[in-house]
C-alpha atoms as a PDB file:
ATOM      1  CA  GLN A   1     142.988 163.810  -8.885  1.00  0.00           C
ATOM      2  CA  VAL A   2     140.177 163.114  -6.444  1.00  0.00           C
ATOM      3  CA  GLN A   3     139.871 159.508  -5.291  1.00  0.00           C
ATOM      4  CA  LEU A   4     137.478 157.740  -2.934  1.00  0.00           C
ATOM      5  CA  VAL A   5     138.673 154.766  -0.871  1.00  0.00           C
ATOM      6  CA  GLU A   6     136.309 152.603   1.175  1.00  0.00           C
ATOM      7  CA  SER A   7     137.162 150.570   4.250  1.00  0.00           C
ATOM      8  CA  GLY A   8     135.378 148.749   7.047  1.00  0.00           C
ATOM      9  CA  GLY A   9     133.715 145.886   5.211  1.00  0.00           C
ATOM     10  CA  GLY A  10     133.869 142.315   6.411  1.00  0.00           C
ATOM     11  CA  LEU A  11     131.940 139.352   7.749  1.00  0.00           C
ATOM     12  CA  VAL A  12     129.316 139.923  10.446  1.00  0.00           C
ATOM     13  CA  GLN A  13     126.574 137.809  11.973  1.00  0.00           C
ATOM     14  CA  PRO A  14     122.908 138.665  11.455  1.00  0.00           C
ATOM     15  CA  GLY A  15     121.872 141.360  13.907  1.00  0.00           C
ATOM     16  CA  GLY A  16     125.394 142.749  14.084  1.00  0.00           C
ATOM     17  CA  SER A  17     126.811 146.116  13.109  1.00  0.00           C
ATOM     18  CA  LEU A  18     129.498 147.498  10.833  1.00  0.00           C
ATOM     19  CA  ARG A  19     130.682 150.974  10.012  1.00  0.00           C
ATOM     20  CA  LEU A  20     131.936 151.689   6.527  1.00  0.00           C
ATOM     21  CA  SER A  21     134.251 154.603   5.874  1.00  0.00           C
ATOM     22  CA  CYS A  22     135.091 156.367   2.640  1.00  0.00           C
ATOM     23  CA  LYS A  23     137.953 158.819   2.556  1.00  0.00           C
ATOM     24  CA  THR A  24     138.203 161.371  -0.202  1.00  0.00           C
ATOM     25  CA  SER A  25     141.726 162.258  -1.210  1.00  0.00           C
ATOM     26  CA  GLY A  26     142.008 165.772  -2.450  1.00  0.00           C
ATOM     27  CA  SER A  27     139.724 168.649  -1.645  1.00  0.00           C
ATOM     28  CA  SER A  28     136.017 168.147  -1.025  1.00  0.00           C
ATOM     29  CA  LEU A  29     135.239 171.848  -1.137  1.00  0.00           C
ATOM     30  CA  ASN A  30     133.200 171.335  -4.307  1.00  0.00           C
ATOM     31  CA  SER A  31     131.231 168.372  -2.956  1.00  0.00           C
ATOM     32  CA  TYR A  32     127.473 168.567  -3.490  1.00  0.00           C
ATOM     33  CA  ALA A  33     126.395 165.227  -2.097  1.00  0.00           C
ATOM     34  CA  ILE A  34     127.640 161.925  -0.758  1.00  0.00           C
ATOM     35  CA  ASN A  35     125.958 158.585  -1.377  1.00  0.00           C
ATOM     36  CA  TRP A  36     126.307 154.909  -0.681  1.00  0.00           C
ATOM     37  CA  PHE A  37     125.250 152.224  -3.150  1.00  0.00           C
ATOM     38  CA  ARG A  38     125.466 148.450  -3.078  1.00  0.00           C
ATOM     39  CA  GLN A  39     125.503 145.671  -5.611  1.00  0.00           C
ATOM     40  CA  VAL A  40     125.136 141.907  -5.596  1.00  0.00           C
ATOM     41  CA  PRO A  41     126.210 139.684  -8.492  1.00  0.00           C
ATOM     42  CA  GLY A  42     123.663 139.611 -11.290  1.00  0.00           C
ATOM     43  CA  LYS A  43     121.773 142.659 -10.049  1.00  0.00           C
ATOM     44  CA  GLU A  44     121.951 146.363 -10.740  1.00  0.00           C
ATOM     45  CA  ARG A  45     123.706 148.660  -8.328  1.00  0.00           C
ATOM     46  CA  GLU A  46     121.136 150.108  -5.937  1.00  0.00           C
ATOM     47  CA  PHE A  47     120.977 153.298  -3.910  1.00  0.00           C
ATOM     48  CA  VAL A  48     121.328 152.843  -0.158  1.00  0.00           C
ATOM     49  CA  ALA A  49     121.708 156.286   1.421  1.00  0.00           C
ATOM     50  CA  GLY A  50     122.532 159.868   0.498  1.00  0.00           C
ATOM     51  CA  ASN A  51     123.302 163.198   2.107  1.00  0.00           C
ATOM     52  CA  ARG A  52     123.162 166.633   0.522  1.00  0.00           C
ATOM     53  CA  GLN A  53     125.873 169.111   1.490  1.00  0.00           C
ATOM     54  CA  LYS A  54     123.534 172.089   1.256  1.00  0.00           C
ATOM     55  CA  GLY A  55     120.793 171.812   3.828  1.00  0.00           C
ATOM     56  CA  GLY A  56     122.003 168.454   5.110  1.00  0.00           C
ATOM     57  CA  ALA A  57     119.006 166.423   3.905  1.00  0.00           C
ATOM     58  CA  THR A  58     119.455 162.672   4.082  1.00  0.00           C
ATOM     59  CA  TYR A  59     117.747 159.945   2.093  1.00  0.00           C
ATOM     60  CA  TYR A  60     117.529 156.197   2.609  1.00  0.00           C
ATOM     61  CA  ALA A  61     116.276 153.221   0.690  1.00  0.00           C
ATOM     62  CA  ASP A  62     113.211 151.749   2.357  1.00  0.00           C
ATOM     63  CA  SER A  63     115.096 148.508   2.949  1.00  0.00           C
ATOM     64  CA  VAL A  64     117.637 150.193   5.239  1.00  0.00           C
ATOM     65  CA  LYS A  65     115.590 152.928   6.934  1.00  0.00           C
ATOM     66  CA  ASN A  66     115.976 153.010  10.702  1.00  0.00           C
ATOM     67  CA  ARG A  67     118.942 150.628  10.490  1.00  0.00           C
ATOM     68  CA  PHE A  68     121.586 152.531   8.494  1.00  0.00           C
ATOM     69  CA  THR A  69     122.902 156.054   9.066  1.00  0.00           C
ATOM     70  CA  ILE A  70     124.945 158.129   6.638  1.00  0.00           C
ATOM     71  CA  SER A  71     127.209 160.870   7.913  1.00  0.00           C
ATOM     72  CA  ARG A  72     130.268 162.882   6.976  1.00  0.00           C
ATOM     73  CA  ASP A  73     133.201 164.449   8.754  1.00  0.00           C
ATOM     74  CA  SER A  74     134.214 167.317   6.515  1.00  0.00           C
ATOM     75  CA  ALA A  75     137.354 168.020   8.515  1.00  0.00           C
ATOM     76  CA  LYS A  76     138.564 164.495   7.731  1.00  0.00           C
ATOM     77  CA  ASN A  77     137.154 164.372   4.172  1.00  0.00           C
ATOM     78  CA  THR A  78     135.470 161.148   5.186  1.00  0.00           C
ATOM     79  CA  MET A  79     131.940 159.821   4.866  1.00  0.00           C
ATOM     80  CA  TYR A  80     130.509 156.953   6.895  1.00  0.00           C
ATOM     81  CA  LEU A  81     127.733 154.410   6.724  1.00  0.00           C
ATOM     82  CA  GLN A  82     126.774 153.006  10.103  1.00  0.00           C
ATOM     83  CA  MET A  83     124.917 149.740   9.575  1.00  0.00           C
ATOM     84  CA  ASN A  84     122.988 148.190  12.463  1.00  0.00           C
ATOM     85  CA  SER A  85     120.685 145.173  12.731  1.00  0.00           C
ATOM     86  CA  LEU A  86     122.286 143.691   9.662  1.00  0.00           C
ATOM     87  CA  LYS A  87     120.430 141.034   7.690  1.00  0.00           C
ATOM     88  CA  PRO A  88     121.713 138.394   5.255  1.00  0.00           C
ATOM     89  CA  GLU A  89     120.045 140.349   2.440  1.00  0.00           C
ATOM     90  CA  ASP A  90     122.372 143.264   3.188  1.00  0.00           C
ATOM     91  CA  THR A  91     125.238 141.174   1.813  1.00  0.00           C
ATOM     92  CA  ALA A  92     126.739 143.076  -1.112  1.00  0.00           C
ATOM     93  CA  VAL A  93     129.673 145.123  -2.315  1.00  0.00           C
ATOM     94  CA  TYR A  94     129.182 148.633  -0.986  1.00  0.00           C
ATOM     95  CA  TYR A  95     130.356 151.650  -2.977  1.00  0.00           C
ATOM     96  CA  CYS A  96     130.704 155.241  -1.884  1.00  0.00           C
ATOM     97  CA  HIS A  97     129.886 157.935  -4.406  1.00  0.00           C
ATOM     98  CA  GLU A  98     130.323 161.677  -4.352  1.00  0.00           C
ATOM     99  CA  ASP A  99     128.886 164.412  -6.534  1.00  0.00           C
ATOM    100  CA  PHE A 100     131.219 167.310  -7.217  1.00  0.00           C
ATOM    101  CA  SER A 101     130.844 170.501  -9.185  1.00  0.00           C
ATOM    102  CA  PHE A 102     133.125 168.938 -11.812  1.00  0.00           C
ATOM    103  CA  GLY A 103     131.432 165.516 -11.961  1.00  0.00           C
ATOM    104  CA  GLU A 104     131.100 162.369  -9.908  1.00  0.00           C
ATOM    105  CA  LYS A 105     133.503 159.898  -8.356  1.00  0.00           C
ATOM    106  CA  TRP A 106     133.094 156.297  -7.198  1.00  0.00           C
ATOM    107  CA  GLY A 107     135.055 154.230  -4.759  1.00  0.00           C
ATOM    108  CA  ARG A 108     136.196 150.729  -5.709  1.00  0.00           C
ATOM    109  CA  GLY A 109     133.886 149.003  -3.262  1.00  0.00           C
ATOM    110  CA  THR A 110     134.125 147.006  -0.056  1.00  0.00           C
ATOM    111  CA  GLN A 111     132.518 143.615   0.559  1.00  0.00           C
ATOM    112  CA  VAL A 112     129.994 143.214   3.356  1.00  0.00           C
ATOM    113  CA  THR A 113     128.877 139.680   4.159  1.00  0.00           C
ATOM    114  CA  VAL A 114     126.145 138.985   6.707  1.00  0.00           C
ATOM    115  CA  SER A 115     126.094 135.324   7.623  1.00  0.00           C
ATOM    116  CA  SER A 116     126.045 133.036  10.619  1.00  0.00           C
END
């Protein structure tokens, strides 16, 4: 059973940085893509960043371009989201997501709060 577990969320001041991690338990050999989403209460979950296994293309929401960086360490079965220059509007629960040949998996989420 493949599971995704996020870590690294917390409280940070505006302008600060955080790095989120998401470890996949079980094999990631059939992973097609990794993604990060976020959600605030009362709003739909929104796409933040994605990376395709084949070719390595990355994609970002306009709101996080040039501030966030998605990456993966295949040897550790772990994906990351480096978040710099954080803004209060980045406050949300962040979810990792992975596309596999057999379907998709979601993490349970980690809270990120940007506030002074």
